[in-house]
């Protein structure tokens, strides 16, 4: 029996979210994968969003091809526009569900996802599907976040409240916000042997303009994204809580430029 996604994407697709996603590149979000890519590879990028990473991958495989897959059609308009502006003719986008991929066994040299698995109901099942459509000897690559490892300075209490609320909303939506730490275990459950799994880690350290951009994103997301709607609708917090969090992100961005700000670990598998 085919399976469909049961979890809800906690961030949603408000402009404050997509603008952050559009700053992702293969260099800053898939560096661990790049040395393994060959020009003839066929690549599948799951949960591709606005397609910035996907487009970079396509540029690396001029003799191959890339498919970007996204559950929501509307966001793919931006992705297709980017591909067209860069003249990438080996790149296509389509809608689809990572739980039930519409591809045959062993079709791709690389199956990649960036911060997708934390948002799905059945992460092991998604990894199994990724493994199924990847060629024998190919690469399944997943980069995941671990929200509980995020740290920052200055440390206003509203940002601790933000972290608490995000954990609540993400889990209520069916996801696992600390997916990074679970990836090796999930990979083994999906059928890989321990020796077949390579684990690495990296961190995003935001200071200066980078800190301001991150904070400005969450200043808006705290009020307008699906995360904000989930806080209020599930009665985890109030609109006043969200307004305080939004203002705290704005204050933090200026403080971090003077004092130094740091935003936690992403784990790569």
Protein backbone atom coordinates (compact mmCIF):
# COMPACT_ATOMS: atom_id res chain seq x y z
CA UNK A 1 0.00 0.00 0.00
CA UNK A 2 1.34 3.44 -0.92
CA UNK A 3 1.94 5.85 1.92
CA UNK A 4 1.50 9.60 2.07
CA UNK A 5 2.99 12.20 4.38
CA UNK A 6 1.10 12.59 7.64
CA UNK A 7 3.19 15.27 9.31
CA UNK A 8 2.64 19.00 8.88
CA UNK A 9 5.47 21.25 7.76
CA UNK A 10 6.03 23.38 10.85
CA UNK A 11 7.45 26.45 9.13
CA UNK A 12 5.00 26.78 6.26
CA UNK A 13 5.75 28.85 3.16
CA UNK A 14 5.38 32.45 4.30
CA UNK A 15 7.78 34.87 2.62
CA UNK A 16 9.78 35.16 5.84
CA UNK A 17 10.51 31.42 5.61
CA UNK A 18 11.21 31.17 1.89
CA UNK A 19 13.55 34.14 1.94
CA UNK A 20 15.74 32.25 4.42
CA UNK A 21 15.62 29.03 2.38
CA UNK A 22 16.57 30.96 -0.76
CA UNK A 23 19.92 31.85 0.82
CA UNK A 24 20.93 28.21 0.91
CA UNK A 25 23.55 27.07 -1.58
CA UNK A 26 25.29 23.79 -2.27
CA UNK A 27 28.45 25.33 -0.79
CA UNK A 28 26.87 26.30 2.56
CA UNK A 29 24.34 23.47 2.84
CA UNK A 30 25.76 20.42 1.02
CA UNK A 31 29.53 20.86 1.20
CA UNK A 32 29.96 17.35 2.58
CA UNK A 33 28.44 15.91 -0.61
CA UNK A 34 30.18 18.00 -3.29
CA UNK A 35 33.51 16.09 -3.49
CA UNK A 36 31.59 12.92 -4.40
CA UNK A 37 29.61 14.33 -7.34
CA UNK A 38 30.69 13.45 -10.88
CA UNK A 39 29.66 15.36 -14.03
CA UNK A 40 27.47 12.53 -15.41
CA UNK A 41 25.48 11.87 -12.22
CA UNK A 42 21.71 11.77 -12.05
CA UNK A 43 20.59 13.41 -8.81
CA UNK A 44 17.29 13.59 -6.91
CA UNK A 45 16.83 16.45 -4.42
CA UNK A 46 13.93 15.84 -2.04
CA UNK A 47 12.11 18.74 -0.38
CA UNK A 48 13.93 21.16 -2.67
CA UNK A 49 11.92 24.27 -1.72
CA UNK A 50 12.89 27.35 -3.77
CA UNK A 51 15.57 25.30 -5.52
CA UNK A 52 18.78 27.18 -4.78
CA UNK A 53 20.71 24.08 -3.67
CA UNK A 54 19.16 22.09 -6.51
CA UNK A 55 20.31 24.59 -9.11
CA UNK A 56 23.85 24.48 -7.76
CA UNK A 57 23.84 20.68 -7.98
CA UNK A 58 22.63 20.85 -11.59
CA UNK A 59 25.54 23.12 -12.48
CA UNK A 60 27.91 20.43 -11.19
CA UNK A 61 26.52 17.67 -13.46
CA UNK A 62 26.57 19.15 -17.00
CA UNK A 63 26.54 15.65 -18.49
CA UNK A 64 23.87 14.43 -16.06
CA UNK A 65 20.54 15.65 -14.72
CA UNK A 66 18.80 16.73 -11.54
CA UNK A 67 15.19 16.44 -10.40
CA UNK A 68 13.95 18.65 -7.58
CA UNK A 69 10.97 17.22 -5.72
CA UNK A 70 8.64 19.24 -3.51
CA UNK A 71 5.30 18.42 -1.89
CA UNK A 72 3.85 21.89 -2.56
CA UNK A 73 3.53 23.08 -6.16
CA UNK A 74 3.39 26.82 -5.48
CA UNK A 75 6.95 27.05 -4.21
CA UNK A 76 8.25 25.41 -7.39
CA UNK A 77 7.38 28.49 -9.44
CA UNK A 78 10.30 30.28 -7.77
CA UNK A 79 12.56 27.26 -8.28
CA UNK A 80 11.76 27.04 -12.00
CA UNK A 81 12.34 30.76 -12.43
CA UNK A 82 15.78 30.44 -10.84
CA UNK A 83 16.71 27.49 -13.08
CA UNK A 84 15.64 29.44 -16.16
CA UNK A 85 17.61 32.53 -15.14
CA UNK A 86 20.74 30.40 -14.80
CA UNK A 87 20.19 28.63 -18.11
CA UNK A 88 20.08 25.18 -16.52
CA UNK A 89 18.50 22.81 -19.03
CA UNK A 90 19.39 19.61 -17.15
CA UNK A 91 17.13 20.47 -14.21
CA UNK A 92 13.42 19.76 -13.73
CA UNK A 93 11.07 20.20 -10.81
CA UNK A 94 7.99 18.22 -9.90
CA UNK A 95 5.68 17.58 -6.99
CA UNK A 96 5.84 14.33 -5.09
CA UNK A 97 5.83 12.67 -1.68
CA UNK A 98 9.09 11.36 -0.25
CA UNK A 99 7.20 8.50 1.41
CA UNK A 100 6.13 7.13 -1.98
CA UNK A 101 8.57 8.16 -4.69
CA UNK A 102 7.32 7.78 -8.26
CA UNK A 103 10.64 6.41 -9.51
CA UNK A 104 11.94 2.94 -10.19
CA UNK A 105 14.52 1.11 -8.14
CA UNK A 106 18.08 2.33 -8.59
CA UNK A 107 17.36 5.32 -10.85
CA UNK A 108 19.72 7.87 -9.26
CA UNK A 109 23.41 8.13 -8.51
CA UNK A 110 22.68 10.53 -5.63
CA UNK A 111 19.53 11.01 -3.57
CA UNK A 112 19.82 14.10 -1.40
CA UNK A 113 17.70 16.00 1.10
CA UNK A 114 18.39 19.06 3.22
CA UNK A 115 16.45 19.46 6.48
CA UNK A 116 13.57 17.32 5.26
CA UNK A 117 13.66 14.31 7.56
CA UNK A 118 12.96 16.38 10.68
CA UNK A 119 9.55 17.28 9.26
CA UNK A 120 8.22 13.83 8.29
CA UNK A 121 6.12 11.40 10.27
CA UNK A 122 8.12 8.32 9.29
CA UNK A 123 11.80 9.25 8.87
CA UNK A 124 12.92 5.63 8.56
CA UNK A 125 10.37 5.02 5.81
CA UNK A 126 11.57 8.07 3.88
CA UNK A 127 15.18 6.91 4.17
CA UNK A 128 14.12 3.48 2.87
CA UNK A 129 12.53 5.13 -0.16
CA UNK A 130 15.66 7.19 -0.74
CA UNK A 131 17.70 4.00 -0.58
CA UNK A 132 15.34 2.18 -2.96
CA UNK A 133 15.63 4.72 -5.78
CA UNK A 134 19.41 5.07 -5.39
CA UNK A 135 21.72 2.89 -7.49
CA UNK A 136 23.79 0.18 -5.88
CA UNK A 137 26.99 1.91 -4.89
CA UNK A 138 25.30 5.31 -5.11
CA UNK A 139 25.00 7.94 -2.40
CA UNK A 140 22.08 8.75 -0.14
CA UNK A 141 22.92 12.05 1.56
CA UNK A 142 20.89 13.85 4.22
CA UNK A 143 21.73 16.97 6.18
CA UNK A 144 19.67 17.55 9.31
CA UNK A 145 19.37 20.08 12.10
CA UNK A 146 19.24 19.55 15.86
CA UNK A 147 17.27 22.38 17.42
CA UNK A 148 18.08 21.40 21.01
CA UNK A 149 21.75 22.11 20.30
CA UNK A 150 21.15 25.71 19.22
CA UNK A 151 22.86 28.26 21.47
CA UNK A 152 23.09 32.01 21.28
CA UNK A 153 24.52 35.06 22.96
CA UNK A 154 23.14 37.41 24.20
CA UNK A 155 20.62 35.09 25.91
CA UNK A 156 17.25 36.83 26.36
CA UNK A 157 14.64 34.59 28.04
CA UNK A 158 12.29 35.07 25.08
CA UNK A 159 14.65 33.09 22.87
CA UNK A 160 14.63 30.22 25.35
CA UNK A 161 10.84 30.42 25.13
CA UNK A 162 11.12 30.35 21.32
CA UNK A 163 13.17 27.15 21.49
CA UNK A 164 10.65 25.54 23.83
CA UNK A 165 7.71 26.49 21.63
CA UNK A 166 9.40 25.29 18.47
CA UNK A 167 10.01 21.87 20.02
CA UNK A 168 6.34 21.66 21.03
CA UNK A 169 4.98 22.73 17.65
CA UNK A 170 7.28 20.50 15.62
CA UNK A 171 6.45 17.40 17.65
CA UNK A 172 2.72 18.18 17.65
CA UNK A 173 2.98 18.38 13.85
CA UNK A 174 4.49 14.90 13.73
CA UNK A 175 8.15 15.79 13.25
CA UNK A 176 11.38 15.44 15.23
CA UNK A 177 13.13 18.82 15.63
CA UNK A 178 16.32 17.18 16.91
CA UNK A 179 16.61 14.85 13.92
CA UNK A 180 20.35 15.31 13.51
CA UNK A 181 21.26 13.15 16.48
CA UNK A 182 18.96 10.33 15.32
CA UNK A 183 20.22 10.04 11.74
CA UNK A 184 22.75 7.20 12.27
CA UNK A 185 20.13 5.15 14.15
CA UNK A 186 17.44 5.81 11.53
CA UNK A 187 19.86 4.87 8.75
CA UNK A 188 20.52 1.50 10.36
CA UNK A 189 16.79 0.94 10.81
CA UNK A 190 16.32 1.75 7.13
CA UNK A 191 18.64 -1.09 6.18
CA UNK A 192 22.19 0.25 6.07
CA UNK A 193 24.96 -1.43 8.02
CA UNK A 194 26.96 0.72 10.42
CA UNK A 195 30.01 0.57 8.15
CA UNK A 196 27.99 1.97 5.25
CA UNK A 197 27.04 5.16 7.12
CA UNK A 198 29.37 8.14 7.27
CA UNK A 199 28.51 10.80 9.84
CA UNK A 200 29.92 14.30 9.83
CA UNK A 201 28.88 17.55 11.47
CA UNK A 202 29.12 21.25 10.86
CA UNK A 203 27.86 24.40 12.52
CA UNK A 204 26.36 27.64 11.33
CA UNK A 205 27.87 30.51 13.27
CA UNK A 206 26.03 33.76 12.65
CA UNK A 207 27.58 37.12 13.48
CA UNK A 208 27.36 40.55 11.93
CA UNK A 209 25.17 40.73 8.84
CA UNK A 210 24.57 36.98 8.97
CA UNK A 211 23.18 37.26 12.48
CA UNK A 212 20.99 40.16 11.46
CA UNK A 213 19.58 38.21 8.47
CA UNK A 214 18.81 35.18 10.64
CA UNK A 215 17.18 37.30 13.32
CA UNK A 216 15.16 39.31 10.81
CA UNK A 217 13.82 36.07 9.40
CA UNK A 218 12.66 34.87 12.81
CA UNK A 219 11.39 38.31 13.70
CA UNK A 220 8.86 37.76 10.91
CA UNK A 221 8.42 34.02 11.29
CA UNK A 222 7.56 34.39 14.98
CA UNK A 223 4.49 36.38 13.95
CA UNK A 224 3.45 35.21 10.48
CA UNK A 225 4.65 31.67 9.73
CA UNK A 226 2.83 28.40 10.28
CA UNK A 227 4.95 27.99 13.40
CA UNK A 228 3.24 31.09 14.84
CA UNK A 229 -0.18 29.79 13.86
CA UNK A 230 0.62 26.46 15.52
CA UNK A 231 1.64 28.10 18.78
CA UNK A 232 -1.66 29.92 19.11
CA UNK A 233 -4.02 27.30 17.64
CA UNK A 234 -2.62 24.54 19.86
CA UNK A 235 -2.60 26.89 22.86
CA UNK A 236 1.10 26.34 23.54
CA UNK A 237 1.50 30.08 23.85
CA UNK A 238 -0.20 33.38 23.20
CA UNK A 239 0.04 36.11 20.61
CA UNK A 240 1.74 38.18 23.31
CA UNK A 241 4.38 35.48 23.66
CA UNK A 242 5.03 35.61 19.93
CA UNK A 243 5.23 39.38 19.87
CA UNK A 244 7.77 39.27 22.69
CA UNK A 245 9.80 36.63 20.83
CA UNK A 246 9.73 38.66 17.62
CA UNK A 247 10.99 41.77 19.42
CA UNK A 248 13.66 39.72 21.20
CA UNK A 249 15.01 38.43 17.88
CA UNK A 250 15.30 42.01 16.68
CA UNK A 251 17.13 43.09 19.85
CA UNK A 252 19.35 40.02 19.65
CA UNK A 253 20.46 40.81 16.11
CA UNK A 254 21.93 44.13 17.19
CA UNK A 255 23.45 42.67 20.37
CA UNK A 256 25.04 39.80 18.46
CA UNK A 257 26.82 42.19 16.14
CA UNK A 258 28.48 43.82 19.14
CA UNK A 259 28.96 40.75 21.33
CA UNK A 260 29.05 37.78 18.90
CA UNK A 261 26.13 35.42 18.21
CA UNK A 262 26.12 31.71 17.52
CA UNK A 263 23.39 29.43 16.21
CA UNK A 264 23.90 25.72 16.78
CA UNK A 265 24.83 22.51 15.04
CA UNK A 266 23.63 20.86 11.87
CA UNK A 267 24.47 17.19 11.54
CA UNK A 268 25.20 15.63 8.18
CA UNK A 269 24.74 11.98 7.22
